């Protein structure tokens, strides 16, 4: 007898339909045959499925059983096919009705006891079910939260194989999970909240951070150890505008495909903050693997990618970031396939001014020679620096300043100014489809000409700065974009000379201050 259920396979961050076909009662010795390009985890489903069926009260097939995961050209990975395989087998054994089964997309891992375990990628599966016109999605309870965020599709959470069978046999009522009850809409608990009011001093750095967030610009902080660079970077998401629903779904779809949403620590309505260690590989940063998946730059989509100790990263790892930072997406080609992932991030980097870290520090003496400093700085290529809009120095605070400094502005106050500037940009770039493109940092050349016009005096000033600092044409555009953001923060329609001067002074590495 033939039983059919419907599931999905993840390719990158997108789900593709998979039909699970089971045929039992074939002649021959009892065997379990699985075909359709399964990986090792899928091949091991036999032991999990049969144990789950036995511990749920169902006998296992005593005949030859063939399972086909179609289409056969699409590679299947992970344990998400346990539940649809078990249900298809039970349909063959007439223990589960086949009526209405085509209306559901089903995914879930089974434990040996028959309980369901969460699987990754259920958000993409819910989007696929909606696209295919399915009635709903049947997934483990722990994975239903993220799937419920997709509107106009019913998500039915099940705790066990028995729950799924009884629901399909109309012996148990399971209500679909309302989207607004999803745990992903909760705010972080008080114990995990951080605020810019905890940062003392560093007014110039706070100003640069506010400009960077307001325009979506990349930022590099240069300062001695202990000057607060990492502390400031971790608080940048707290002043970024709240993500819109389409942005949040993009964030979750990537994190769900990577499996990071399976942890309760990541189930908050907030922008991502990713801080990989400087020993990370090119694949870990960009994405890839035998079956291509998202890397850190994609996991930080619509959020912050923080690279601490920037010169300590491998040169090759930093160089692969150049095109993704420019395009807002990364294309990964492997023998198993080719995928394109979004990676519209705000890059925040931090570094010391020299190998010992104390060049320019008034309290400690630097022991580095000029050639050592030059070699240290040369680890960051010019093309990568060109893609970082603001370079800001973060001087170390003296003990007296730390003791006597008053608390700084709160994140709420800074976020309010950033949101006002972003509102201006949302109106200016309303024609952009992607919300992440509606900021000054993403302006095209034609938009720069239209919205960053400067007069002759300002043009002469900028030309003089370009010649003295030996800046590239890309840096020229970056300065104009930053000046546009400063004008937006000031509520000005046109770029004034003070806005342009402030934007120019945020190119400290170009000026070789420490050589």
Protein backbone atom coordinates (compact mmCIF):
# COMPACT_ATOMS: atom_id res chain seq x y z
CA UNK A 1 0.00 0.00 0.00
CA UNK A 2 1.17 3.53 -0.76
CA UNK A 3 1.20 6.43 1.72
CA UNK A 4 2.19 10.01 0.87
CA UNK A 5 2.96 13.02 3.06
CA UNK A 6 4.47 16.41 2.25
CA UNK A 7 7.53 18.02 3.82
CA UNK A 8 10.27 20.48 2.82
CA UNK A 9 14.03 20.69 2.35
CA UNK A 10 16.13 23.73 3.19
CA UNK A 11 18.40 25.15 0.50
CA UNK A 12 20.21 28.09 2.04
CA UNK A 13 17.41 29.95 3.79
CA UNK A 14 14.63 28.88 1.42
CA UNK A 15 12.40 25.81 1.70
CA UNK A 16 11.64 23.57 -1.27
CA UNK A 17 8.78 21.04 -1.38
CA UNK A 18 9.57 17.38 -0.73
CA UNK A 19 7.09 14.55 -1.20
CA UNK A 20 7.53 11.57 1.14
CA UNK A 21 6.31 8.36 -0.53
CA UNK A 22 6.15 5.09 1.43
CA UNK A 23 5.27 1.73 -0.05
CA UNK A 24 4.83 -1.33 2.22
CA UNK A 25 3.68 -4.88 1.68
CA UNK A 26 6.28 -5.58 -1.01
CA UNK A 27 7.46 -9.17 -1.48
CA UNK A 28 10.81 -10.10 -0.03
CA UNK A 29 12.51 -10.13 3.33
CA UNK A 30 11.64 -7.28 5.78
CA UNK A 31 13.86 -4.38 4.83
CA UNK A 32 13.84 -0.60 5.15
CA UNK A 33 14.98 1.09 1.92
CA UNK A 34 15.42 4.88 1.81
CA UNK A 35 16.13 6.69 -1.48
CA UNK A 36 16.12 10.29 -2.67
CA UNK A 37 19.62 11.71 -1.89
CA UNK A 38 19.38 11.45 1.93
CA UNK A 39 22.30 12.36 4.18
CA UNK A 40 23.44 10.29 7.17
CA UNK A 41 20.93 11.90 9.56
CA UNK A 42 18.04 11.05 7.22
CA UNK A 43 19.30 7.47 6.74
CA UNK A 44 19.31 7.01 10.51
CA UNK A 45 15.61 7.85 10.63
CA UNK A 46 14.71 4.14 10.42
CA UNK A 47 15.85 3.46 13.98
CA UNK A 48 14.21 6.59 15.37
CA UNK A 49 10.92 6.09 13.48
CA UNK A 50 10.51 2.40 14.31
CA UNK A 51 11.35 2.95 18.00
CA UNK A 52 8.96 5.93 18.17
CA UNK A 53 6.18 3.88 16.56
CA UNK A 54 6.72 0.93 18.92
CA UNK A 55 6.74 3.16 22.02
CA UNK A 56 3.60 4.93 20.82
CA UNK A 57 1.70 1.65 20.54
CA UNK A 58 2.02 0.91 16.82
CA UNK A 59 3.65 -2.18 15.38
CA UNK A 60 6.37 -1.78 12.80
CA UNK A 61 6.05 -3.08 9.22
CA UNK A 62 7.00 -6.74 8.83
CA UNK A 63 7.42 -6.46 5.07
CA UNK A 64 9.78 -4.72 2.72
CA UNK A 65 9.28 -0.94 3.05
CA UNK A 66 10.52 1.51 0.44
CA UNK A 67 10.67 5.25 1.19
CA UNK A 68 11.27 7.78 -1.53
CA UNK A 69 12.01 11.45 -0.84
CA UNK A 70 11.13 13.24 -4.06
CA UNK A 71 12.50 14.99 -6.02
CA UNK A 72 15.54 12.75 -6.14
CA UNK A 73 17.79 15.55 -7.42
CA UNK A 74 17.42 17.62 -4.23
CA UNK A 75 19.73 16.70 -1.35
CA UNK A 76 17.91 16.02 1.95
CA UNK A 77 19.62 16.61 5.30
CA UNK A 78 18.68 16.54 8.97
CA UNK A 79 16.13 14.65 11.07
CA UNK A 80 13.11 16.78 10.05
CA UNK A 81 11.71 13.92 7.92
CA UNK A 82 11.11 11.59 10.90
CA UNK A 83 7.53 12.72 11.51
CA UNK A 84 6.35 12.75 7.84
CA UNK A 85 7.98 9.32 7.28
CA UNK A 86 6.29 7.85 10.36
CA UNK A 87 2.89 9.25 9.34
CA UNK A 88 3.26 7.93 5.78
CA UNK A 89 4.09 4.46 7.15
CA UNK A 90 1.01 4.59 9.41
CA UNK A 91 -1.12 5.58 6.41
CA UNK A 92 0.12 2.42 4.65
CA UNK A 93 -0.80 0.40 7.74
CA UNK A 94 -4.23 2.09 7.86
CA UNK A 95 -3.57 3.49 11.31
CA UNK A 96 -3.71 7.11 10.08
CA UNK A 97 -6.22 8.55 7.64
CA UNK A 98 -4.99 9.85 4.33
CA UNK A 99 -8.00 12.14 3.93
CA UNK A 100 -6.89 15.77 4.04
CA UNK A 101 -3.24 14.83 4.49
CA UNK A 102 -2.31 16.67 1.31
CA UNK A 103 -3.44 19.92 2.96
CA UNK A 104 -0.50 19.92 5.39
CA UNK A 105 3.24 20.42 5.27
CA UNK A 106 4.83 18.26 7.98
CA UNK A 107 8.27 18.33 9.63
CA UNK A 108 9.68 17.14 12.92
CA UNK A 109 12.32 14.98 14.59
CA UNK A 110 11.17 12.04 16.71
CA UNK A 111 12.77 10.78 19.89
CA UNK A 112 12.81 7.06 20.63
CA UNK A 113 9.85 7.55 22.98
CA UNK A 114 7.73 9.11 20.23
CA UNK A 115 8.05 12.69 21.48
CA UNK A 116 8.80 15.42 18.94
CA UNK A 117 11.96 17.48 18.97
CA UNK A 118 12.44 20.91 17.35
CA UNK A 119 13.88 21.27 13.86
CA UNK A 120 15.44 24.22 12.09
CA UNK A 121 13.93 26.13 9.19
CA UNK A 122 10.24 25.99 10.16
CA UNK A 123 9.81 29.69 9.34
CA UNK A 124 10.84 29.03 5.72
CA UNK A 125 8.57 25.97 5.69
CA UNK A 126 5.61 28.10 6.81
CA UNK A 127 6.33 30.55 3.98
CA UNK A 128 6.44 27.62 1.54
CA UNK A 129 3.16 26.17 2.88
CA UNK A 130 1.52 29.56 2.40
CA UNK A 131 2.91 29.84 -1.13
CA UNK A 132 1.67 26.34 -2.03
CA UNK A 133 -1.81 27.09 -0.69
CA UNK A 134 -1.65 24.46 2.07
CA UNK A 135 -4.16 24.52 4.90
CA UNK A 136 -1.47 24.46 7.54
CA UNK A 137 1.83 23.27 8.95
CA UNK A 138 2.30 20.43 11.49
CA UNK A 139 5.55 20.87 13.44
CA UNK A 140 6.93 20.24 16.96
CA UNK A 141 5.65 22.64 19.60
CA UNK A 142 9.12 24.13 20.20
CA UNK A 143 9.43 25.02 16.50
CA UNK A 144 5.90 26.37 16.10
CA UNK A 145 6.65 29.79 17.60
CA UNK A 146 8.71 31.05 14.69
CA UNK A 147 6.47 29.45 12.05
CA UNK A 148 3.43 31.20 13.53
CA UNK A 149 4.97 34.58 12.67
CA UNK A 150 3.97 34.00 9.04
CA UNK A 151 0.43 35.28 8.62
CA UNK A 152 -2.44 33.53 6.82
CA UNK A 153 -1.16 30.02 7.52
CA UNK A 154 -2.32 27.77 10.39
CA UNK A 155 0.51 26.26 12.46
CA UNK A 156 -0.46 23.18 14.48
CA UNK A 157 2.01 22.32 17.29
CA UNK A 158 2.33 18.65 18.23
CA UNK A 159 4.20 17.17 21.19
CA UNK A 160 4.39 13.59 19.96
CA UNK A 161 3.70 11.19 17.11
CA UNK A 162 0.53 10.16 18.94
CA UNK A 163 -0.70 13.78 18.94
CA UNK A 164 -0.15 14.06 15.19
CA UNK A 165 -1.97 10.79 14.44
CA UNK A 166 -4.94 11.59 16.67
CA UNK A 167 -5.18 15.11 15.17
CA UNK A 168 -5.23 13.78 11.60
CA UNK A 169 -7.76 11.09 12.62
CA UNK A 170 -9.98 13.84 14.09
CA UNK A 171 -9.68 12.26 17.53
CA UNK A 172 -8.02 15.30 19.10
CA UNK A 173 -8.50 19.01 18.59
CA UNK A 174 -5.31 21.06 18.26
CA UNK A 175 -5.81 24.78 17.88
CA UNK A 176 -3.42 26.65 15.55
CA UNK A 177 -0.94 28.88 17.33
CA UNK A 178 -1.88 32.60 17.12
CA UNK A 179 1.01 34.64 15.74
CA UNK A 180 0.83 37.26 18.48
CA UNK A 181 1.40 34.58 21.13
CA UNK A 182 4.77 33.76 19.63
CA UNK A 183 7.60 34.03 22.16
CA UNK A 184 9.65 35.93 19.56
CA UNK A 185 7.61 39.07 20.28
CA UNK A 186 8.88 39.30 23.86
CA UNK A 187 11.46 41.86 24.96
CA UNK A 188 14.73 40.72 26.56
CA UNK A 189 14.49 40.25 30.35
CA UNK A 190 15.71 43.03 32.62
CA UNK A 191 18.82 41.03 33.54
CA UNK A 192 19.96 41.02 29.87
CA UNK A 193 19.22 44.64 29.01
CA UNK A 194 22.12 47.00 28.43
CA UNK A 195 22.02 50.75 27.92
CA UNK A 196 24.24 53.57 26.66
CA UNK A 197 23.76 55.37 29.97
CA UNK A 198 26.32 52.90 31.37
CA UNK A 199 29.00 54.38 29.09
CA UNK A 200 30.90 57.21 30.78
CA UNK A 201 32.60 59.91 28.77
CA UNK A 202 33.57 59.15 25.16
CA UNK A 203 31.28 61.87 23.80
CA UNK A 204 33.02 61.94 20.40
CA UNK A 205 32.61 58.18 20.01
CA UNK A 206 28.95 58.35 21.03
CA UNK A 207 28.39 61.06 18.43
CA UNK A 208 30.04 58.93 15.72
CA UNK A 209 27.96 55.91 16.74
CA UNK A 210 24.77 57.96 16.55
CA UNK A 211 25.67 59.16 13.04
CA UNK A 212 26.54 55.61 11.96
CA UNK A 213 23.24 54.18 13.21
CA UNK A 214 21.19 57.05 11.77
CA UNK A 215 22.53 56.45 8.27
CA UNK A 216 23.37 52.73 8.42
CA UNK A 217 27.09 53.48 8.02
CA UNK A 218 30.01 51.18 8.82
CA UNK A 219 32.15 52.27 11.78
CA UNK A 220 35.72 51.67 12.95
CA UNK A 221 36.84 52.57 16.49
CA UNK A 222 40.56 52.99 17.20
CA UNK A 223 41.71 53.14 20.79
CA UNK A 224 43.88 51.76 23.55
CA UNK A 225 42.90 48.59 25.44
CA UNK A 226 40.22 49.33 28.03
CA UNK A 227 38.91 52.47 26.33
CA UNK A 228 35.41 50.96 26.07
CA UNK A 229 35.25 50.01 22.38
CA UNK A 230 33.62 46.62 22.95
CA UNK A 231 31.27 48.02 25.58
CA UNK A 232 30.04 50.68 23.15
CA UNK A 233 29.72 48.21 20.26
CA UNK A 234 27.50 45.86 22.27
CA UNK A 235 25.09 48.73 22.98
CA UNK A 236 24.70 49.84 19.36
CA UNK A 237 21.64 47.58 18.73
CA UNK A 238 19.85 49.35 21.61
CA UNK A 239 19.74 52.63 19.66
CA UNK A 240 18.85 51.12 16.29
CA UNK A 241 15.21 51.52 15.18
CA UNK A 242 12.95 48.60 16.00
CA UNK A 243 12.86 46.16 13.06
CA UNK A 244 9.77 46.19 10.89
CA UNK A 245 7.91 42.90 10.54
CA UNK A 246 9.36 42.13 7.10
CA UNK A 247 12.87 42.86 8.41
CA UNK A 248 12.30 40.65 11.45
CA UNK A 249 11.10 37.77 9.27
CA UNK A 250 14.26 38.10 7.17
CA UNK A 251 16.37 38.00 10.34
CA UNK A 252 14.56 34.95 11.69
CA UNK A 253 14.55 33.06 8.38
CA UNK A 254 18.36 33.13 8.31
CA UNK A 255 18.75 32.30 11.99
CA UNK A 256 16.15 29.54 11.72
CA UNK A 257 17.99 27.97 8.78
CA UNK A 258 21.18 28.02 10.87
CA UNK A 259 19.38 26.52 13.86
CA UNK A 260 20.17 29.38 16.25
CA UNK A 261 16.47 30.01 17.04
CA UNK A 262 16.29 26.60 18.74
CA UNK A 263 17.87 28.30 21.76
CA UNK A 264 15.55 30.33 23.99
CA UNK A 265 18.33 32.90 24.40
CA UNK A 266 17.68 34.13 20.85
CA UNK A 267 13.88 34.38 21.03
CA UNK A 268 13.51 38.14 21.34
CA UNK A 269 12.14 40.86 19.08
CA UNK A 270 15.43 42.60 18.41
CA UNK A 271 18.13 43.10 15.83
CA UNK A 272 21.00 40.60 15.78
CA UNK A 273 24.45 41.33 17.17
CA UNK A 274 27.16 38.94 16.01
CA UNK A 275 30.72 39.07 17.33
CA UNK A 276 32.86 36.28 15.82
CA UNK A 277 36.32 35.55 17.23
CA UNK A 278 39.27 36.72 15.16
CA UNK A 279 40.32 33.09 14.50
CA UNK A 280 37.19 32.51 12.38
CA UNK A 281 37.68 30.97 8.93
CA UNK A 282 36.58 32.43 5.62
CA UNK A 283 33.71 29.93 5.44
CA UNK A 284 32.60 30.69 8.99
CA UNK A 285 32.48 34.41 8.23
CA UNK A 286 31.03 34.35 4.73
CA UNK A 287 29.09 31.07 4.76
CA UNK A 288 29.44 27.83 2.87
CA UNK A 289 30.20 24.24 3.79
CA UNK A 290 29.58 21.03 1.84
CA UNK A 291 25.92 21.99 1.83
CA UNK A 292 25.99 25.83 1.62
CA UNK A 293 24.65 27.60 4.69
CA UNK A 294 24.74 31.10 6.23
CA UNK A 295 27.87 32.51 7.85
CA UNK A 296 28.30 35.25 10.43
CA UNK A 297 27.81 38.07 7.91
CA UNK A 298 24.37 36.69 6.98
CA UNK A 299 23.43 35.89 10.58
CA UNK A 300 23.98 39.59 11.31
CA UNK A 301 21.57 40.63 8.50
CA UNK A 302 19.61 43.79 9.46
CA UNK A 303 21.79 44.08 12.55
CA UNK A 304 25.39 44.56 13.68
CA UNK A 305 28.48 42.54 12.74
CA UNK A 306 31.18 43.41 15.30
CA UNK A 307 34.78 42.55 14.47
CA UNK A 308 36.93 43.15 17.54
CA UNK A 309 40.73 43.29 17.12
CA UNK A 310 40.26 43.83 13.38
CA UNK A 311 43.96 43.47 12.34
CA UNK A 312 44.09 40.06 14.05
CA UNK A 313 41.58 38.56 11.59
CA UNK A 314 43.06 36.59 8.70
CA UNK A 315 43.63 38.81 5.69
CA UNK A 316 41.69 36.41 3.46
CA UNK A 317 38.70 36.45 5.82
CA UNK A 318 38.56 40.24 5.76
CA UNK A 319 38.95 40.45 2.01
CA UNK A 320 35.95 38.20 1.36
CA UNK A 321 33.81 40.82 3.15
CA UNK A 322 34.47 43.51 0.57
CA UNK A 323 31.81 42.60 -1.97
CA UNK A 324 29.10 41.58 0.56
CA UNK A 325 29.51 44.93 2.35
CA UNK A 326 29.04 46.71 -0.96
CA UNK A 327 26.17 44.61 -2.39
CA UNK A 328 24.25 43.62 0.76
CA UNK A 329 24.19 39.98 -0.35
CA UNK A 330 26.59 37.09 -0.74
CA UNK A 331 26.55 34.32 -3.35
CA UNK A 332 28.05 30.96 -2.35
CA UNK A 333 28.81 28.30 -4.96
CA UNK A 334 29.61 24.72 -3.97
CA UNK A 335 29.36 21.33 -5.63
CA UNK A 336 26.09 20.75 -3.73
CA UNK A 337 24.54 23.92 -5.15
CA UNK A 338 24.58 27.69 -5.38
CA UNK A 339 22.73 30.01 -2.99
CA UNK A 340 22.43 33.77 -2.51
CA UNK A 341 21.98 35.03 1.04
CA UNK A 342 21.14 38.56 2.25
CA UNK A 343 23.77 40.27 4.39
CA UNK A 344 22.77 43.90 4.79
CA UNK A 345 24.77 44.61 7.94
CA UNK A 346 26.16 47.53 9.84
CA UNK A 347 29.84 46.65 10.23
CA UNK A 348 31.35 47.83 13.50
CA UNK A 349 35.05 47.15 13.96
CA UNK A 350 37.52 47.91 16.72
CA UNK A 351 41.31 47.94 16.79
CA UNK A 352 44.28 49.19 18.76
CA UNK A 353 46.37 52.02 17.25
CA UNK A 354 49.49 49.83 17.32
CA UNK A 355 50.62 46.32 18.33
CA UNK A 356 51.12 47.25 21.99
CA UNK A 357 48.00 49.40 21.95
CA UNK A 358 49.34 52.57 23.56
CA UNK A 359 50.27 54.91 20.72
CA UNK A 360 48.87 58.32 21.61
CA UNK A 361 48.01 57.23 25.18
CA UNK A 362 48.89 59.97 27.67
CA UNK A 363 49.29 57.58 30.61
CA UNK A 364 51.37 54.78 29.05
CA UNK A 365 54.39 54.78 26.78
CA UNK A 366 54.23 53.09 23.37
CA UNK A 367 57.13 50.73 22.65
CA UNK A 368 56.35 50.16 18.98
CA UNK A 369 58.56 51.42 16.18
CA UNK A 370 57.13 53.16 13.12
CA UNK A 371 57.72 50.09 10.88
CA UNK A 372 55.90 47.90 13.43
CA UNK A 373 52.92 50.24 13.43
CA UNK A 374 52.93 50.35 9.64
CA UNK A 375 53.00 46.54 9.39
CA UNK A 376 50.18 46.33 11.93
CA UNK A 377 48.04 48.82 10.03
CA UNK A 378 48.82 47.23 6.65
CA UNK A 379 46.91 44.10 7.73
CA UNK A 380 43.78 46.07 6.84
CA UNK A 381 43.68 46.70 3.12
CA UNK A 382 42.84 50.07 1.59
CA UNK A 383 39.77 48.75 -0.27
CA UNK A 384 38.30 47.45 3.01
CA UNK A 385 38.97 50.76 4.78
CA UNK A 386 37.25 52.56 1.90
CA UNK A 387 34.09 50.62 2.74
CA UNK A 388 34.12 51.85 6.34
CA UNK A 389 32.47 55.26 6.44
CA UNK A 390 33.55 56.52 9.85
CA UNK A 391 36.90 56.12 11.62
CA UNK A 392 36.82 57.44 15.18
CA UNK A 393 39.45 57.50 17.92
CA UNK A 394 38.42 56.24 21.36
CA UNK A 395 40.92 57.58 23.89
CA UNK A 396 41.28 55.79 27.21
CA UNK A 397 39.67 57.57 30.16
CA UNK A 398 41.69 58.45 33.25
CA UNK A 399 40.61 57.05 36.63
CA UNK A 400 39.52 60.52 37.76
CA UNK A 401 37.24 60.80 34.72
CA UNK A 402 35.72 57.38 35.39
CA UNK A 403 35.01 58.25 39.02
CA UNK A 404 33.55 61.69 38.38
CA UNK A 405 31.89 61.31 34.97
CA UNK A 406 28.13 61.57 34.98
CA UNK A 407 26.03 58.85 33.31
CA UNK A 408 25.61 59.48 29.60
CA UNK A 409 22.43 59.79 27.62
CA UNK A 410 20.23 56.72 27.66
CA UNK A 411 19.71 54.49 24.66
CA UNK A 412 16.08 55.62 24.45
CA UNK A 413 17.07 59.27 23.97
CA UNK A 414 19.68 58.42 21.34
CA UNK A 415 17.33 56.02 19.55
CA UNK A 416 14.68 58.73 19.29
CA UNK A 417 17.08 60.98 17.34
CA UNK A 418 18.20 58.08 15.16
CA UNK A 419 14.59 57.14 14.38
CA UNK A 420 13.79 60.73 13.34
CA UNK A 421 16.74 60.72 10.93
CA UNK A 422 15.72 57.30 9.59
CA UNK A 423 12.16 58.55 9.08
CA UNK A 424 13.51 61.29 6.81
CA UNK A 425 15.48 58.69 4.83
CA UNK A 426 12.47 56.34 4.61
CA UNK A 427 10.57 59.13 2.91
CA UNK A 428 13.51 59.99 0.67
CA UNK A 429 14.02 56.40 -0.52
CA UNK A 430 10.42 55.23 -0.36
CA UNK A 431 10.77 53.62 -3.80
CA UNK A 432 13.23 51.04 -2.43
CA UNK A 433 11.57 47.65 -1.94
CA UNK A 434 13.87 46.44 0.85
CA UNK A 435 13.64 48.31 4.15
CA UNK A 436 17.41 47.84 4.64
CA UNK A 437 18.03 49.89 1.47
CA UNK A 438 16.16 52.94 2.76
CA UNK A 439 19.15 54.58 4.43
CA UNK A 440 21.90 56.95 3.34
CA UNK A 441 24.63 54.30 3.41
CA UNK A 442 22.84 52.41 0.60
CA UNK A 443 22.54 55.39 -1.77
CA UNK A 444 23.38 54.72 -5.40
CA UNK A 445 25.48 57.13 -7.47
CA UNK A 446 22.37 58.73 -8.97
CA UNK A 447 20.86 59.17 -5.51
CA UNK A 448 24.09 60.75 -4.26
CA UNK A 449 23.92 63.30 -7.07
CA UNK A 450 20.27 64.01 -6.29
CA UNK A 451 20.41 64.22 -2.48
CA UNK A 452 24.02 65.19 -1.66
CA UNK A 453 24.42 68.34 -3.74
CA UNK A 454 27.10 70.76 -2.52
CA UNK A 455 28.01 74.27 -3.71
CA UNK A 456 31.29 75.33 -5.33
CA UNK A 457 32.93 76.42 -2.07
CA UNK A 458 32.12 73.10 -0.43
CA UNK A 459 33.30 71.26 -3.54
CA UNK A 460 36.67 73.04 -3.41
CA UNK A 461 36.95 72.19 0.30
CA UNK A 462 36.24 68.52 -0.34
CA UNK A 463 38.68 68.44 -3.28
CA UNK A 464 41.43 69.89 -1.09
CA UNK A 465 40.77 67.24 1.56
CA UNK A 466 40.77 64.49 -1.04
CA UNK A 467 44.14 65.58 -2.42
CA UNK A 468 45.78 66.02 0.99
CA UNK A 469 44.52 62.67 2.32
CA UNK A 470 44.95 60.81 -1.02
CA UNK A 471 41.40 59.48 -0.76
CA UNK A 472 39.80 57.23 -3.35
CA UNK A 473 36.64 57.93 -5.33
CA UNK A 474 34.78 55.51 -3.04
CA UNK A 475 35.88 57.53 0.01
CA UNK A 476 34.57 60.67 -1.76
CA UNK A 477 31.11 59.12 -1.96
CA UNK A 478 31.33 57.94 1.65
CA UNK A 479 32.07 61.44 2.90
CA UNK A 480 29.04 62.82 1.05
CA UNK A 481 26.81 60.08 2.47
CA UNK A 482 27.99 60.76 6.03
CA UNK A 483 27.52 64.52 5.52
CA UNK A 484 23.96 63.82 4.33
CA UNK A 485 23.29 61.84 7.52
CA UNK A 486 24.71 64.60 9.73
CA UNK A 487 22.42 67.07 7.97
CA UNK A 488 19.45 64.74 8.56
CA UNK A 489 20.27 64.56 12.26
CA UNK A 490 20.37 68.35 12.36
CA UNK A 491 17.03 68.56 10.54
CA UNK A 492 18.58 70.41 7.60
CA UNK A 493 17.41 69.97 4.03
CA UNK A 494 20.79 70.82 2.48
CA UNK A 495 24.35 69.84 3.40
CA UNK A 496 26.14 72.78 5.05
CA UNK A 497 29.88 73.31 5.39
CA UNK A 498 29.99 72.22 9.10
CA UNK A 499 28.31 68.94 8.11
CA UNK A 500 30.93 68.36 5.41
CA UNK A 501 33.83 69.22 7.72
CA UNK A 502 32.59 66.82 10.38
CA UNK A 503 32.24 64.04 7.79
CA UNK A 504 35.81 64.64 6.56
CA UNK A 505 37.29 64.41 10.04
CA UNK A 506 35.86 60.88 10.40
CA UNK A 507 38.65 59.58 8.11
CA UNK A 508 41.34 59.35 10.82
CA UNK A 509 43.13 56.31 9.39
CA UNK A 510 43.46 58.08 6.05
CA UNK A 511 45.31 60.89 7.81
CA UNK A 512 47.98 58.54 9.27
CA UNK A 513 47.77 60.24 12.64
CA UNK A 514 50.03 57.79 14.43
CA UNK A 515 52.87 57.50 11.95
